[in-house]
Amino acid sequence: MPQEQRFDKVKFRQRIEEVTTDINLYSQSATNLLLGTCAQESTFGKYNQQLGGGPALGPFQMEPFTMRDIWNNFLAYKDSLCERIYEEYGYTEANNDLLQYDVDYGIIMCRVHYLRVKERLPEADDIEALARYWKKYYNTYKGKGKVEEFIKNYNRYVL
């Protein structure tokens, strides 16, 4: 059964900032993109499992396949980042339970997912650009999410 709660926007922003700083991947743009991704994907932490029986897990509704791809085809070649993640949080591999229930793990996986994108992150205060970036690189053209929904959810849960 999916978890039903929502994150406190101030505390969740602080947690994203702390975790991404710990692994040397902090930026205000990344923070706002992760906040918006969570607002759109899980109604800001209301669900930790995709509704309708889909595979997506956690506050960022990442699919286990994507998480495994991050570990196997990106982090496997980023020794210093892997060491930093291990030193700070003890994570060493793909793990569905962590993806679903451990907020810090979800933050790291979502941030690293966006790190793989070659296109620069949008400006932190450009919500429409963040929404388009999310759509293109996270939800993708195959996903049902819409840029307008991201903006609405960002304004509702993050601001």
N, C-alpha and C. Protein backbone atom coordinates (compact mmCIF):
# COMPACT_ATOMS: atom_id res chain seq x y z
N MET A 1 0.84 -1.19 0.00
CA MET A 1 0.00 0.00 0.00
C MET A 1 0.88 1.24 0.00
N PRO A 2 0.63 2.19 -0.89
CA PRO A 2 1.46 3.40 -0.93
C PRO A 2 1.38 4.20 0.36
N GLN A 3 2.49 4.80 0.69
CA GLN A 3 2.56 5.70 1.84
C GLN A 3 1.74 6.94 1.51
N GLU A 4 1.07 7.52 2.51
CA GLU A 4 0.31 8.75 2.27
C GLU A 4 0.75 9.82 3.26
N GLN A 5 1.60 10.71 2.79
CA GLN A 5 2.08 11.85 3.56
C GLN A 5 2.56 12.88 2.57
N ARG A 6 2.90 14.02 3.03
CA ARG A 6 3.56 15.01 2.18
C ARG A 6 4.72 15.58 2.99
N PHE A 7 5.73 15.97 2.28
CA PHE A 7 6.89 16.53 2.94
C PHE A 7 6.62 17.97 3.37
N ASP A 8 7.27 18.37 4.45
CA ASP A 8 7.32 19.77 4.84
C ASP A 8 8.29 20.45 3.88
N LYS A 9 7.85 21.48 3.18
CA LYS A 9 8.66 22.05 2.11
C LYS A 9 9.97 22.66 2.59
N VAL A 10 9.98 23.23 3.77
CA VAL A 10 11.21 23.82 4.29
C VAL A 10 12.20 22.72 4.68
N LYS A 11 11.73 21.74 5.41
CA LYS A 11 12.61 20.65 5.85
C LYS A 11 13.10 19.81 4.67
N PHE A 12 12.23 19.58 3.69
CA PHE A 12 12.64 18.77 2.55
C PHE A 12 13.67 19.52 1.70
N ARG A 13 13.49 20.82 1.52
CA ARG A 13 14.49 21.62 0.81
C ARG A 13 15.83 21.53 1.53
N GLN A 14 15.80 21.68 2.85
CA GLN A 14 17.03 21.59 3.64
C GLN A 14 17.69 20.22 3.47
N ARG A 15 16.88 19.17 3.46
CA ARG A 15 17.44 17.82 3.33
C ARG A 15 18.09 17.64 1.96
N ILE A 16 17.43 18.10 0.92
CA ILE A 16 18.02 18.01 -0.43
C ILE A 16 19.34 18.78 -0.47
N GLU A 17 19.36 19.97 0.11
CA GLU A 17 20.58 20.78 0.12
C GLU A 17 21.70 20.08 0.89
N GLU A 18 21.36 19.48 2.04
CA GLU A 18 22.37 18.78 2.85
C GLU A 18 22.93 17.58 2.10
N VAL A 19 22.05 16.76 1.57
CA VAL A 19 22.50 15.53 0.89
C VAL A 19 23.33 15.86 -0.34
N THR A 20 22.86 16.78 -1.16
CA THR A 20 23.61 17.11 -2.37
C THR A 20 24.93 17.82 -2.05
N THR A 21 24.97 18.57 -0.97
CA THR A 21 26.23 19.17 -0.53
C THR A 21 27.19 18.09 -0.07
N ASP A 22 26.69 17.12 0.69
CA ASP A 22 27.52 16.02 1.18
C ASP A 22 28.21 15.25 0.06
N ILE A 23 27.53 15.14 -1.08
CA ILE A 23 28.13 14.38 -2.19
C ILE A 23 28.69 15.31 -3.28
N ASN A 24 28.86 16.58 -2.94
CA ASN A 24 29.45 17.59 -3.83
C ASN A 24 28.67 17.80 -5.13
N LEU A 25 27.34 17.74 -5.03
CA LEU A 25 26.50 17.96 -6.21
C LEU A 25 25.43 19.03 -5.96
N TYR A 26 25.69 19.91 -5.01
CA TYR A 26 24.71 20.95 -4.68
C TYR A 26 24.72 22.06 -5.71
N SER A 27 23.54 22.51 -6.05
CA SER A 27 23.32 23.79 -6.72
C SER A 27 21.88 24.18 -6.44
N GLN A 28 21.60 25.46 -6.47
CA GLN A 28 20.22 25.89 -6.24
C GLN A 28 19.32 25.39 -7.37
N SER A 29 19.83 25.36 -8.58
CA SER A 29 19.05 24.83 -9.71
C SER A 29 18.70 23.36 -9.48
N ALA A 30 19.67 22.58 -9.05
CA ALA A 30 19.42 21.16 -8.79
C ALA A 30 18.41 20.98 -7.66
N THR A 31 18.54 21.78 -6.63
CA THR A 31 17.59 21.71 -5.51
C THR A 31 16.18 21.97 -5.99
N ASN A 32 15.99 23.04 -6.75
CA ASN A 32 14.65 23.37 -7.23
C ASN A 32 14.13 22.32 -8.21
N LEU A 33 15.02 21.76 -9.02
CA LEU A 33 14.60 20.71 -9.95
C LEU A 33 14.16 19.46 -9.19
N LEU A 34 14.89 19.07 -8.16
CA LEU A 34 14.49 17.92 -7.36
C LEU A 34 13.19 18.18 -6.61
N LEU A 35 13.04 19.37 -6.06
CA LEU A 35 11.78 19.71 -5.39
C LEU A 35 10.61 19.61 -6.36
N GLY A 36 10.78 20.16 -7.54
CA GLY A 36 9.73 20.10 -8.55
C GLY A 36 9.45 18.69 -9.03
N THR A 37 10.51 17.90 -9.17
CA THR A 37 10.34 16.51 -9.58
C THR A 37 9.52 15.76 -8.55
N CYS A 38 9.82 15.95 -7.29
CA CYS A 38 9.06 15.30 -6.22
C CYS A 38 7.62 15.80 -6.19
N ALA A 39 7.43 17.10 -6.36
CA ALA A 39 6.07 17.66 -6.36
C ALA A 39 5.25 17.03 -7.48
N GLN A 40 5.85 16.88 -8.64
CA GLN A 40 5.13 16.34 -9.78
C GLN A 40 4.96 14.82 -9.69
N GLU A 41 6.01 14.12 -9.33
CA GLU A 41 6.01 12.66 -9.42
C GLU A 41 5.23 11.97 -8.30
N SER A 42 5.32 12.49 -7.09
CA SER A 42 4.68 11.79 -5.96
C SER A 42 3.75 12.68 -5.15
N THR A 43 3.32 13.78 -5.75
CA THR A 43 2.51 14.77 -5.04
C THR A 43 3.23 15.20 -3.76
N PHE A 44 4.52 15.47 -3.92
CA PHE A 44 5.41 15.95 -2.86
C PHE A 44 5.50 14.98 -1.69
N GLY A 45 5.73 13.72 -2.04
CA GLY A 45 5.96 12.71 -1.02
C GLY A 45 4.72 11.98 -0.55
N LYS A 46 3.59 12.24 -1.16
CA LYS A 46 2.36 11.55 -0.74
C LYS A 46 2.43 10.05 -1.03
N TYR A 47 3.06 9.70 -2.14
CA TYR A 47 3.13 8.29 -2.54
C TYR A 47 4.58 7.84 -2.69
N ASN A 48 4.89 6.65 -2.19
CA ASN A 48 6.22 6.10 -2.39
C ASN A 48 6.21 4.88 -3.31
N GLN A 49 5.05 4.64 -3.92
CA GLN A 49 4.91 3.57 -4.89
C GLN A 49 3.94 4.06 -5.97
N GLN A 50 4.25 3.77 -7.22
CA GLN A 50 3.42 4.25 -8.32
C GLN A 50 2.00 3.71 -8.21
N LEU A 51 1.05 4.59 -8.38
CA LEU A 51 -0.35 4.18 -8.38
C LEU A 51 -0.64 3.36 -9.62
N GLY A 52 -1.55 2.42 -9.51
CA GLY A 52 -1.92 1.60 -10.65
C GLY A 52 -1.00 0.42 -10.89
N GLY A 53 -0.12 0.14 -9.96
CA GLY A 53 0.73 -1.04 -10.07
C GLY A 53 1.99 -0.86 -10.90
N GLY A 54 2.33 0.36 -11.26
CA GLY A 54 3.54 0.59 -12.03
C GLY A 54 4.79 0.38 -11.19
N PRO A 55 5.94 0.39 -11.84
CA PRO A 55 7.19 0.04 -11.14
C PRO A 55 7.84 1.17 -10.35
N ALA A 56 7.44 2.43 -10.56
CA ALA A 56 8.15 3.56 -9.97
C ALA A 56 8.03 3.59 -8.44
N LEU A 57 9.14 3.97 -7.79
CA LEU A 57 9.22 3.93 -6.33
C LEU A 57 9.78 5.22 -5.76
N GLY A 58 9.41 5.51 -4.53
CA GLY A 58 10.00 6.60 -3.76
C GLY A 58 9.40 7.96 -4.08
N PRO A 59 9.90 8.98 -3.40
CA PRO A 59 9.35 10.33 -3.55
C PRO A 59 9.57 10.92 -4.94
N PHE A 60 10.55 10.36 -5.69
CA PHE A 60 10.82 10.85 -7.04
C PHE A 60 10.26 9.90 -8.10
N GLN A 61 9.58 8.84 -7.63
CA GLN A 61 8.95 7.87 -8.52
C GLN A 61 9.91 7.40 -9.62
N MET A 62 11.08 6.97 -9.18
CA MET A 62 12.07 6.44 -10.11
C MET A 62 11.82 4.95 -10.32
N GLU A 63 11.98 4.51 -11.54
CA GLU A 63 11.81 3.09 -11.83
C GLU A 63 13.07 2.34 -11.45
N PRO A 64 12.94 1.13 -10.89
CA PRO A 64 14.12 0.34 -10.53
C PRO A 64 15.10 0.15 -11.69
N PHE A 65 14.59 0.01 -12.91
CA PHE A 65 15.47 -0.13 -14.07
C PHE A 65 16.38 1.09 -14.21
N THR A 66 15.82 2.27 -14.02
CA THR A 66 16.61 3.50 -14.11
C THR A 66 17.66 3.54 -13.02
N MET A 67 17.28 3.18 -11.81
CA MET A 67 18.22 3.15 -10.70
C MET A 67 19.38 2.20 -11.00
N ARG A 68 19.06 1.00 -11.48
CA ARG A 68 20.12 0.03 -11.81
C ARG A 68 21.02 0.57 -12.93
N ASP A 69 20.42 1.24 -13.91
CA ASP A 69 21.20 1.82 -15.00
C ASP A 69 22.16 2.88 -14.47
N ILE A 70 21.70 3.68 -13.52
CA ILE A 70 22.57 4.70 -12.91
C ILE A 70 23.78 4.03 -12.27
N TRP A 71 23.54 2.99 -11.50
CA TRP A 71 24.65 2.30 -10.83
C TRP A 71 25.57 1.59 -11.82
N ASN A 72 24.98 0.88 -12.77
CA ASN A 72 25.78 0.03 -13.67
C ASN A 72 26.47 0.79 -14.79
N ASN A 73 25.87 1.85 -15.27
CA ASN A 73 26.40 2.51 -16.47
C ASN A 73 26.85 3.94 -16.25
N PHE A 74 26.76 4.43 -15.03
CA PHE A 74 27.26 5.77 -14.75
C PHE A 74 28.14 5.76 -13.51
N LEU A 75 27.56 5.42 -12.37
CA LEU A 75 28.34 5.44 -11.14
C LEU A 75 29.51 4.45 -11.16
N ALA A 76 29.37 3.37 -11.89
CA ALA A 76 30.46 2.39 -11.99
C ALA A 76 31.73 3.01 -12.57
N TYR A 77 31.58 4.15 -13.24
CA TYR A 77 32.72 4.82 -13.86
C TYR A 77 33.06 6.15 -13.18
N LYS A 78 32.44 6.39 -12.04
CA LYS A 78 32.65 7.63 -11.29
C LYS A 78 33.14 7.29 -9.88
N ASP A 79 34.40 6.84 -9.80
CA ASP A 79 34.95 6.36 -8.53
C ASP A 79 34.86 7.38 -7.40
N SER A 80 35.21 8.62 -7.67
CA SER A 80 35.22 9.60 -6.58
C SER A 80 33.81 9.88 -6.08
N LEU A 81 32.83 9.92 -6.99
CA LEU A 81 31.45 10.12 -6.56
C LEU A 81 30.94 8.92 -5.78
N CYS A 82 31.26 7.72 -6.25
CA CYS A 82 30.86 6.50 -5.52
C CYS A 82 31.47 6.48 -4.12
N GLU A 83 32.73 6.85 -4.03
CA GLU A 83 33.40 6.89 -2.73
C GLU A 83 32.72 7.90 -1.81
N ARG A 84 32.37 9.04 -2.36
CA ARG A 84 31.72 10.08 -1.56
C ARG A 84 30.35 9.60 -1.06
N ILE A 85 29.58 8.97 -1.95
CA ILE A 85 28.26 8.43 -1.57
C ILE A 85 28.43 7.37 -0.48
N TYR A 86 29.42 6.51 -0.63
CA TYR A 86 29.65 5.47 0.37
C TYR A 86 30.11 6.08 1.69
N GLU A 87 31.06 7.00 1.65
CA GLU A 87 31.58 7.61 2.88
C GLU A 87 30.50 8.35 3.65
N GLU A 88 29.64 9.06 2.94
CA GLU A 88 28.61 9.87 3.59
C GLU A 88 27.38 9.08 4.00
N TYR A 89 26.99 8.06 3.18
CA TYR A 89 25.71 7.39 3.39
C TYR A 89 25.78 5.87 3.43
N GLY A 90 26.88 5.29 3.02
CA GLY A 90 27.04 3.84 3.07
C GLY A 90 26.38 3.11 1.91
N TYR A 91 25.89 3.81 0.91
CA TYR A 91 25.23 3.16 -0.22
C TYR A 91 26.28 2.67 -1.22
N THR A 92 26.08 1.44 -1.69
CA THR A 92 27.05 0.86 -2.62
C THR A 92 26.42 0.20 -3.84
N GLU A 93 25.07 0.15 -3.88
CA GLU A 93 24.45 -0.58 -4.99
C GLU A 93 22.98 -0.20 -5.14
N ALA A 94 22.42 -0.68 -6.24
CA ALA A 94 21.00 -0.50 -6.48
C ALA A 94 20.21 -1.31 -5.46
N ASN A 95 19.15 -0.70 -4.93
CA ASN A 95 18.36 -1.38 -3.91
C ASN A 95 16.94 -0.82 -3.95
N ASN A 96 15.99 -1.66 -4.32
CA ASN A 96 14.60 -1.23 -4.45
C ASN A 96 14.01 -0.73 -3.14
N ASP A 97 14.32 -1.38 -2.04
CA ASP A 97 13.78 -0.95 -0.75
C ASP A 97 14.29 0.44 -0.37
N LEU A 98 15.57 0.67 -0.59
CA LEU A 98 16.12 2.00 -0.32
C LEU A 98 15.48 3.04 -1.22
N LEU A 99 15.30 2.70 -2.48
CA LEU A 99 14.68 3.63 -3.43
C LEU A 99 13.27 4.01 -2.98
N GLN A 100 12.54 3.04 -2.45
CA GLN A 100 11.16 3.29 -2.04
C GLN A 100 11.05 4.00 -0.70
N TYR A 101 11.90 3.67 0.24
CA TYR A 101 11.69 4.12 1.62
C TYR A 101 12.74 5.07 2.19
N ASP A 102 13.92 5.14 1.59
CA ASP A 102 15.00 5.97 2.14
C ASP A 102 15.09 7.27 1.35
N VAL A 103 14.66 8.34 1.95
CA VAL A 103 14.60 9.63 1.27
C VAL A 103 15.99 10.08 0.79
N ASP A 104 17.01 9.90 1.60
CA ASP A 104 18.36 10.31 1.20
C ASP A 104 18.81 9.55 -0.05
N TYR A 105 18.54 8.26 -0.09
CA TYR A 105 18.90 7.45 -1.26
C TYR A 105 18.16 7.98 -2.49
N GLY A 106 16.89 8.27 -2.33
CA GLY A 106 16.10 8.81 -3.44
C GLY A 106 16.65 10.13 -3.94
N ILE A 107 17.04 11.00 -3.01
CA ILE A 107 17.63 12.29 -3.39
C ILE A 107 18.89 12.05 -4.22
N ILE A 108 19.74 11.15 -3.75
CA ILE A 108 20.99 10.88 -4.47
C ILE A 108 20.70 10.31 -5.85
N MET A 109 19.80 9.36 -5.94
CA MET A 109 19.51 8.75 -7.24
C MET A 109 18.91 9.77 -8.20
N CYS A 110 18.02 10.61 -7.72
CA CYS A 110 17.42 11.62 -8.58
C CYS A 110 18.47 12.64 -9.03
N ARG A 111 19.31 13.08 -8.11
CA ARG A 111 20.35 14.07 -8.46
C ARG A 111 21.33 13.48 -9.47
N VAL A 112 21.73 12.23 -9.26
CA VAL A 112 22.67 11.61 -10.19
C VAL A 112 22.00 11.36 -11.54
N HIS A 113 20.73 11.05 -11.53
CA HIS A 113 20.01 10.91 -12.80
C HIS A 113 20.16 12.19 -13.63
N TYR A 114 19.92 13.33 -13.02
CA TYR A 114 20.05 14.60 -13.73
C TYR A 114 21.51 14.93 -14.05
N LEU A 115 22.43 14.47 -13.24
CA LEU A 115 23.86 14.70 -13.49
C LEU A 115 24.29 14.05 -14.81
N ARG A 116 23.66 12.96 -15.16
CA ARG A 116 24.02 12.25 -16.41
C ARG A 116 23.67 13.05 -17.66
N VAL A 117 22.76 14.00 -17.52
CA VAL A 117 22.32 14.80 -18.67
C VAL A 117 23.42 15.79 -19.05
N LYS A 118 23.72 15.84 -20.32
CA LYS A 118 24.78 16.75 -20.79
C LYS A 118 24.32 18.21 -20.82
N GLU A 119 23.05 18.44 -21.05
CA GLU A 119 22.53 19.81 -21.09
C GLU A 119 22.59 20.43 -19.70
N ARG A 120 23.05 21.66 -19.65
CA ARG A 120 23.17 22.39 -18.38
C ARG A 120 21.80 22.54 -17.70
N LEU A 121 21.80 22.53 -16.38
CA LEU A 121 20.56 22.75 -15.64
C LEU A 121 20.05 24.17 -15.90
N PRO A 122 18.74 24.34 -15.94
CA PRO A 122 18.17 25.69 -16.09
C PRO A 122 18.48 26.56 -14.87
N GLU A 123 18.23 27.83 -15.03
CA GLU A 123 18.38 28.76 -13.90
C GLU A 123 17.41 28.35 -12.79
N ALA A 124 17.83 28.53 -11.55
CA ALA A 124 17.06 28.07 -10.39
C ALA A 124 15.67 28.66 -10.31
N ASP A 125 15.51 29.91 -10.74
CA ASP A 125 14.22 30.58 -10.58
C ASP A 125 13.34 30.52 -11.84
N ASP A 126 13.78 29.80 -12.85
CA ASP A 126 13.02 29.67 -14.08
C ASP A 126 12.21 28.36 -14.03
N ILE A 127 11.05 28.45 -13.40
CA ILE A 127 10.24 27.25 -13.15
C ILE A 127 9.78 26.60 -14.46
N GLU A 128 9.45 27.39 -15.44
CA GLU A 128 9.03 26.81 -16.72
C GLU A 128 10.19 26.03 -17.37
N ALA A 129 11.38 26.57 -17.31
CA ALA A 129 12.54 25.86 -17.87
C ALA A 129 12.84 24.59 -17.07
N LEU A 130 12.71 24.66 -15.75
CA LEU A 130 12.87 23.45 -14.92
C LEU A 130 11.85 22.40 -15.31
N ALA A 131 10.62 22.83 -15.55
CA ALA A 131 9.55 21.91 -15.95
C ALA A 131 9.85 21.26 -17.29
N ARG A 132 10.32 22.04 -18.24
CA ARG A 132 10.67 21.47 -19.56
C ARG A 132 11.84 20.49 -19.43
N TYR A 133 12.80 20.82 -18.60
CA TYR A 133 13.96 19.95 -18.36
C TYR A 133 13.49 18.64 -17.75
N TRP A 134 12.64 18.71 -16.73
CA TRP A 134 12.08 17.50 -16.12
C TRP A 134 11.37 16.65 -17.17
N LYS A 135 10.53 17.29 -17.97
CA LYS A 135 9.77 16.56 -18.98
C LYS A 135 10.70 15.86 -19.97
N LYS A 136 11.70 16.56 -20.43
CA LYS A 136 12.60 16.01 -21.45
C LYS A 136 13.48 14.89 -20.90
N TYR A 137 14.01 15.08 -19.69
CA TYR A 137 15.03 14.16 -19.20
C TYR A 137 14.58 13.22 -18.09
N TYR A 138 13.45 13.47 -17.49
CA TYR A 138 12.99 12.59 -16.40
C TYR A 138 11.72 11.86 -16.79
N ASN A 139 10.70 12.58 -17.15
CA ASN A 139 9.43 11.98 -17.55
C ASN A 139 9.51 11.46 -18.98
N THR A 140 10.23 12.12 -19.83
CA THR A 140 10.48 11.83 -21.24
C THR A 140 9.21 12.01 -22.08
N TYR A 141 9.41 11.97 -23.37
CA TYR A 141 8.28 12.15 -24.29
C TYR A 141 7.27 11.01 -24.16
N LYS A 142 7.70 9.87 -23.63
CA LYS A 142 6.80 8.73 -23.44
C LYS A 142 5.92 8.88 -22.21
N GLY A 143 6.34 9.68 -21.26
CA GLY A 143 5.61 9.84 -20.01
C GLY A 143 4.33 10.65 -20.16
N LYS A 144 3.43 10.44 -19.22
CA LYS A 144 2.13 11.11 -19.27
C LYS A 144 2.16 12.51 -18.65
N GLY A 145 3.22 12.82 -17.93
CA GLY A 145 3.30 14.11 -17.27
C GLY A 145 3.39 15.26 -18.25
N LYS A 146 2.92 16.42 -17.80
CA LYS A 146 2.91 17.61 -18.64
C LYS A 146 3.65 18.76 -17.95
N VAL A 147 4.28 19.58 -18.75
CA VAL A 147 5.01 20.73 -18.23
C VAL A 147 4.10 21.59 -17.36
N GLU A 148 2.87 21.79 -17.81
CA GLU A 148 1.92 22.62 -17.06
C GLU A 148 1.60 22.03 -15.69
N GLU A 149 1.55 20.71 -15.60
CA GLU A 149 1.30 20.04 -14.31
C GLU A 149 2.48 20.27 -13.37
N PHE A 150 3.69 20.14 -13.89
CA PHE A 150 4.88 20.37 -13.08
C PHE A 150 4.84 21.78 -12.49
N ILE A 151 4.56 22.76 -13.33
CA ILE A 151 4.52 24.16 -12.87
C ILE A 151 3.45 24.32 -11.79
N LYS A 152 2.28 23.78 -12.02
CA LYS A 152 1.18 23.86 -11.04
C LYS A 152 1.58 23.21 -9.72
N ASN A 153 2.16 22.02 -9.79
CA ASN A 153 2.56 21.31 -8.57
C ASN A 153 3.73 22.00 -7.87
N TYR A 154 4.65 22.56 -8.64
CA TYR A 154 5.75 23.31 -8.05
C TYR A 154 5.21 24.50 -7.26
N ASN A 155 4.32 25.25 -7.90
CA ASN A 155 3.74 26.41 -7.22
C ASN A 155 2.94 26.01 -5.99
N ARG A 156 2.28 24.89 -6.06
CA ARG A 156 1.43 24.44 -4.96
C ARG A 156 2.25 23.91 -3.78
N TYR A 157 3.26 23.10 -4.04
CA TYR A 157 3.96 22.40 -2.95
C TYR A 157 5.31 22.99 -2.57
N VAL A 158 5.98 23.67 -3.50
CA VAL A 158 7.34 24.12 -3.25
C VAL A 158 7.39 25.58 -2.83
N LEU A 159 6.62 26.43 -3.48
CA LEU A 159 6.69 27.87 -3.17
C LEU A 159 5.93 28.21 -1.90
